[in-house]
Amino acid sequence: MTTQPRSARPAVLAQNQYGKAENRVVRITRDGATHHIKDLNVSVALSGDMEEVHYSGSNANVLPTDTTKNTVYAFAKEYGIESAEQFGIHLARHFVTSQEPIRTARIRIEEYSWERIGTPDIGTPDIGTSDIGTSEADTPSAGAAERGHSFARKGQETRVTQITYDGSSWEVVSGLKDLVVLNSTNSEFWGYVKDEYTTLKEAYDRILATEVSGRWRFNWTDDEQPMPDWEESYAQVRGHMLQAFAQTYSLSLQQTLYQMGARIIENRDEVAEVRFSLPNKHHFLVDLEPFGLKNDNEVYFAADRPYGLIEATILRDGCEALIPVDLSNL
């Protein structure tokens, strides 16, 4: 059997990558009796000089995916996990600089948050009546009211980041998903286009609710620039986003989305681009008239589908949109 020269083949290899997906790593840092937890889900994708492994099966340039998995765990020990972004940067730099065939590394990380379990008395074994999420500000004696090693998984949102490195430049896109927010008033929807299929009634006082999926791209792109404080940046961006949602008197979810992104751009110099995907979690007034009851914006039916889906990118003036339109791929 004669093998065709590669140049004569009708099929040519295009974009390709490989790696180890969803490496769960939990890092405990012990500060005396007080412990700190970082819980990550890390996916590694590597690309570069990988033609031969596809064409002939030669593994000469292939770093085993099992090795990438081991690297994740070893780096959690060697470097600790200061932030999801910093951990991803360590990994990406290592894979590109230590393996000549590897030209680009993409690290995707989901971070799951935990909060301390507060207890009435640290010496009491039974924590069944624990006050989840007790803070120092709410507690007369934080040392006596918190177990330094007991945590409850937060359910508000999942923090995410993607780090891409090609040996010379960085792209860091961070964000969150699954954060459900709701305004019970200060939202209207009226003056829209109506045709023969329109049945929706105009609303002058409605519930506005959504499940935020947002990503923001940093303008830090090379090692010559000062690196952002990733933890501080995440907290501040999240705070500005939530404040904009709460403070905007909304005439449309599009308007609210823009205000959320604009407030981030205006207040956080390290952010160049923001993209949101906001499903409109509809709440419909229940008709109580058949029961002789008046529903004065008090009782609603929360519909999970179908839902309106509002998506947009907000850019810093002069910047280019680089975050993918489909956030499910990021």
Foldseek 3Di string as FASTA:
>chain_A
DDDDDPVPDPDDDDDDKDAAFFQWDWAWDDDDQAIDIWTKGKTKIWDFPCRCCVVPVDCPQPDDNVVLSVVLHVCCVVVNDLDPVVSQVVSFLCVCVVRPRTQKMKMKMKIWDKFWWWAPAPPDPDCVVTDAPDDPVNDPDRVGGTRSPHIDTDDAWIKMWMWMDRPFKIKIKIWIWQHKDKDLWLEWEDPDDDDPPDDDDGGPTHMWMWTKTKMWIFPGIGPVDDDDPVVVLVVVLVVLLVVLLHPHSYHDVLVSVQSSFVSSVVPPVGTFKMKIKIWGFDWAFDDCVVVVDDCPSPDTDGDPDDTDIDIDMDGDPPDDDDPDRDPVVD
